[in-house]
């Protein structure tokens, strides 16, 4: 089992969700987050004054999958979250973490059985 954490641009969410659904990956948690990386914010004008925001709005997706779905999930995220053919700074990151256990509260199922529908 793996926990896939992806940080993406908010405007890419619909495309990412559609790409995941095509691969039969429906379960995820989505959080509004703010952060910065290489993009470092872009200069903006607010009420006539220039300023450089340090933290940009992003979405954090947390997707728990069985091992058989890891590559399909990562591939869907790569394709749908990338800007254009070559991508741009600020498109985001994907982290794949080992998931030690999962327990479904309703039934008490554990492991891969708890992740499935």
C-alpha atoms as a PDB file:
ATOM      1  CA  UNK A   1       0.000   0.000   0.000  1.00  0.00           C
ATOM      2  CA  UNK A   2       1.157   3.537  -0.747  1.00  0.00           C
ATOM      3  CA  UNK A   3       0.062   7.033   0.176  1.00  0.00           C
ATOM      4  CA  UNK A   4       0.429   9.371  -2.778  1.00  0.00           C
ATOM      5  CA  UNK A   5       0.568  13.049  -1.871  1.00  0.00           C
ATOM      6  CA  UNK A   6       0.403  15.507  -4.756  1.00  0.00           C
ATOM      7  CA  UNK A   7       0.666  19.284  -4.651  1.00  0.00           C
ATOM      8  CA  UNK A   8      -0.937  20.771  -7.782  1.00  0.00           C
ATOM      9  CA  UNK A   9      -2.193  24.034  -9.226  1.00  0.00           C
ATOM     10  CA  UNK A  10      -5.864  24.597  -8.283  1.00  0.00           C
ATOM     11  CA  UNK A  11      -6.884  25.139 -11.912  1.00  0.00           C
ATOM     12  CA  UNK A  12      -5.626  21.637 -12.789  1.00  0.00           C
ATOM     13  CA  UNK A  13      -7.899  19.829 -10.317  1.00  0.00           C
ATOM     14  CA  UNK A  14     -10.742  19.033 -12.735  1.00  0.00           C
ATOM     15  CA  UNK A  15      -8.327  17.528 -15.278  1.00  0.00           C
ATOM     16  CA  UNK A  16      -6.524  15.540 -12.568  1.00  0.00           C
ATOM     17  CA  UNK A  17      -9.779  14.185 -11.160  1.00  0.00           C
ATOM     18  CA  UNK A  18     -10.953  13.152 -14.643  1.00  0.00           C
ATOM     19  CA  UNK A  19      -7.626  11.409 -15.371  1.00  0.00           C
ATOM     20  CA  UNK A  20      -7.794   9.525 -12.070  1.00  0.00           C
ATOM     21  CA  UNK A  21     -11.414   8.516 -12.690  1.00  0.00           C
ATOM     22  CA  UNK A  22     -10.433   7.083 -16.109  1.00  0.00           C
ATOM     23  CA  UNK A  23      -8.060   4.766 -14.230  1.00  0.00           C
ATOM     24  CA  UNK A  24     -10.746   3.849 -11.679  1.00  0.00           C
ATOM     25  CA  UNK A  25      -9.151   5.841  -8.869  1.00  0.00           C
ATOM     26  CA  UNK A  26     -11.921   7.690  -7.060  1.00  0.00           C
ATOM     27  CA  UNK A  27     -10.950   7.970  -3.390  1.00  0.00           C
ATOM     28  CA  UNK A  28      -8.935  11.006  -2.315  1.00  0.00           C
ATOM     29  CA  UNK A  29      -8.753  13.805   0.202  1.00  0.00           C
ATOM     30  CA  UNK A  30      -8.269  17.346  -1.113  1.00  0.00           C
ATOM     31  CA  UNK A  31      -7.006  20.261   0.976  1.00  0.00           C
ATOM     32  CA  UNK A  32      -6.482  23.918   0.091  1.00  0.00           C
ATOM     33  CA  UNK A  33      -2.879  24.754   0.962  1.00  0.00           C
ATOM     34  CA  UNK A  34      -0.408  27.553   0.360  1.00  0.00           C
ATOM     35  CA  UNK A  35       3.253  27.116  -0.418  1.00  0.00           C
ATOM     36  CA  UNK A  36       6.250  28.120  -2.444  1.00  0.00           C
ATOM     37  CA  UNK A  37       9.074  26.432  -4.246  1.00  0.00           C
ATOM     38  CA  UNK A  38      11.107  27.472  -7.247  1.00  0.00           C
ATOM     39  CA  UNK A  39       8.193  29.606  -8.422  1.00  0.00           C
ATOM     40  CA  UNK A  40       8.720  31.893  -5.392  1.00  0.00           C
ATOM     41  CA  UNK A  41       5.632  33.938  -6.150  1.00  0.00           C
ATOM     42  CA  UNK A  42       5.121  36.430  -8.907  1.00  0.00           C
ATOM     43  CA  UNK A  43       5.062  40.193  -8.499  1.00  0.00           C
ATOM     44  CA  UNK A  44       1.487  41.465  -8.265  1.00  0.00           C
ATOM     45  CA  UNK A  45      -0.091  44.893  -7.970  1.00  0.00           C
ATOM     46  CA  UNK A  46      -2.590  45.495  -5.167  1.00  0.00           C
ATOM     47  CA  UNK A  47      -4.155  48.945  -4.738  1.00  0.00           C
ATOM     48  CA  UNK A  48      -1.383  50.525  -6.780  1.00  0.00           C
ATOM     49  CA  UNK A  49       1.489  48.988  -4.833  1.00  0.00           C
ATOM     50  CA  UNK A  50       3.680  46.163  -6.086  1.00  0.00           C
ATOM     51  CA  UNK A  51       4.225  43.218  -3.794  1.00  0.00           C
ATOM     52  CA  UNK A  52       5.543  39.691  -4.117  1.00  0.00           C
ATOM     53  CA  UNK A  53       3.418  37.091  -2.371  1.00  0.00           C
ATOM     54  CA  UNK A  54       5.541  34.398  -0.765  1.00  0.00           C
ATOM     55  CA  UNK A  55       2.932  31.669  -0.505  1.00  0.00           C
ATOM     56  CA  UNK A  56       0.868  30.668  -3.519  1.00  0.00           C
ATOM     57  CA  UNK A  57      -2.456  28.808  -3.436  1.00  0.00           C
ATOM     58  CA  UNK A  58      -2.175  25.098  -4.244  1.00  0.00           C
ATOM     59  CA  UNK A  59      -4.215  21.927  -3.719  1.00  0.00           C
ATOM     60  CA  UNK A  60      -2.919  18.953  -1.771  1.00  0.00           C
ATOM     61  CA  UNK A  61      -4.293  15.574  -2.835  1.00  0.00           C
ATOM     62  CA  UNK A  62      -3.854  12.552  -0.583  1.00  0.00           C
ATOM     63  CA  UNK A  63      -4.598   9.254  -2.297  1.00  0.00           C
ATOM     64  CA  UNK A  64      -4.165   5.872  -0.601  1.00  0.00           C
ATOM     65  CA  UNK A  65      -3.790   3.058  -3.148  1.00  0.00           C
ATOM     66  CA  UNK A  66      -2.898  -0.609  -3.274  1.00  0.00           C
ATOM     67  CA  UNK A  67       0.429  -1.375  -4.962  1.00  0.00           C
ATOM     68  CA  UNK A  68      -1.277  -2.327  -8.241  1.00  0.00           C
ATOM     69  CA  UNK A  69      -2.579   1.255  -8.657  1.00  0.00           C
ATOM     70  CA  UNK A  70       0.588   3.223  -7.818  1.00  0.00           C
ATOM     71  CA  UNK A  71       1.954   3.642 -11.350  1.00  0.00           C
ATOM     72  CA  UNK A  72      -1.471   4.397 -12.838  1.00  0.00           C
ATOM     73  CA  UNK A  73      -2.046   7.085 -10.199  1.00  0.00           C
ATOM     74  CA  UNK A  74       1.353   8.718 -10.684  1.00  0.00           C
ATOM     75  CA  UNK A  75       0.968   8.620 -14.478  1.00  0.00           C
ATOM     76  CA  UNK A  76      -2.482  10.227 -14.317  1.00  0.00           C
ATOM     77  CA  UNK A  77      -1.161  12.981 -12.038  1.00  0.00           C
ATOM     78  CA  UNK A  78       1.854  13.642 -14.265  1.00  0.00           C
ATOM     79  CA  UNK A  79      -0.176  13.939 -17.428  1.00  0.00           C
ATOM     80  CA  UNK A  80      -3.113  15.949 -16.074  1.00  0.00           C
ATOM     81  CA  UNK A  81      -1.271  18.332 -13.715  1.00  0.00           C
ATOM     82  CA  UNK A  82       1.494  19.318 -16.154  1.00  0.00           C
ATOM     83  CA  UNK A  83       1.149  22.665 -17.925  1.00  0.00           C
ATOM     84  CA  UNK A  84       1.588  22.273 -21.678  1.00  0.00           C
ATOM     85  CA  UNK A  85       3.824  19.629 -23.228  1.00  0.00           C
ATOM     86  CA  UNK A  86       6.945  20.350 -21.180  1.00  0.00           C
ATOM     87  CA  UNK A  87       5.493  21.730 -17.950  1.00  0.00           C
ATOM     88  CA  UNK A  88       6.257  24.930 -16.063  1.00  0.00           C
ATOM     89  CA  UNK A  89       7.792  25.882 -12.756  1.00  0.00           C
ATOM     90  CA  UNK A  90       5.016  25.677 -10.164  1.00  0.00           C
ATOM     91  CA  UNK A  91       3.206  22.654 -11.628  1.00  0.00           C
ATOM     92  CA  UNK A  92       3.735  20.811  -8.339  1.00  0.00           C
ATOM     93  CA  UNK A  93       5.201  17.651  -6.841  1.00  0.00           C
ATOM     94  CA  UNK A  94       4.191  14.031  -6.291  1.00  0.00           C
ATOM     95  CA  UNK A  95       5.346  12.116  -3.222  1.00  0.00           C
ATOM     96  CA  UNK A  96       4.939   8.340  -2.916  1.00  0.00           C
ATOM     97  CA  UNK A  97       5.106   7.141   0.693  1.00  0.00           C
ATOM     98  CA  UNK A  98       4.898   3.670   2.175  1.00  0.00           C
ATOM     99  CA  UNK A  99       1.637   3.104   3.994  1.00  0.00           C
ATOM    100  CA  UNK A 100       2.053   0.774   6.922  1.00  0.00           C
ATOM    101  CA  UNK A 101      -1.595   0.074   7.655  1.00  0.00           C
ATOM    102  CA  UNK A 102      -5.102   1.264   6.962  1.00  0.00           C
ATOM    103  CA  UNK A 103      -8.234   0.563   9.019  1.00  0.00           C
ATOM    104  CA  UNK A 104     -11.790   1.180   7.839  1.00  0.00           C
ATOM    105  CA  UNK A 105     -13.632   2.522  10.869  1.00  0.00           C
ATOM    106  CA  UNK A 106     -17.071   1.281   9.807  1.00  0.00           C
ATOM    107  CA  UNK A 107     -16.134  -2.401   9.390  1.00  0.00           C
ATOM    108  CA  UNK A 108     -12.752  -2.781  11.058  1.00  0.00           C
ATOM    109  CA  UNK A 109     -11.207  -4.085   7.815  1.00  0.00           C
ATOM    110  CA  UNK A 110      -7.435  -3.646   7.619  1.00  0.00           C
ATOM    111  CA  UNK A 111      -4.798  -3.233   4.951  1.00  0.00           C
ATOM    112  CA  UNK A 112      -5.633  -3.251   1.259  1.00  0.00           C
ATOM    113  CA  UNK A 113      -9.217  -4.312   1.932  1.00  0.00           C
ATOM    114  CA  UNK A 114      -9.785  -1.077   3.851  1.00  0.00           C
ATOM    115  CA  UNK A 115      -8.571   1.058   0.923  1.00  0.00           C
ATOM    116  CA  UNK A 116     -10.869  -0.472  -1.714  1.00  0.00           C
ATOM    117  CA  UNK A 117     -14.475   0.643  -2.170  1.00  0.00           C
END
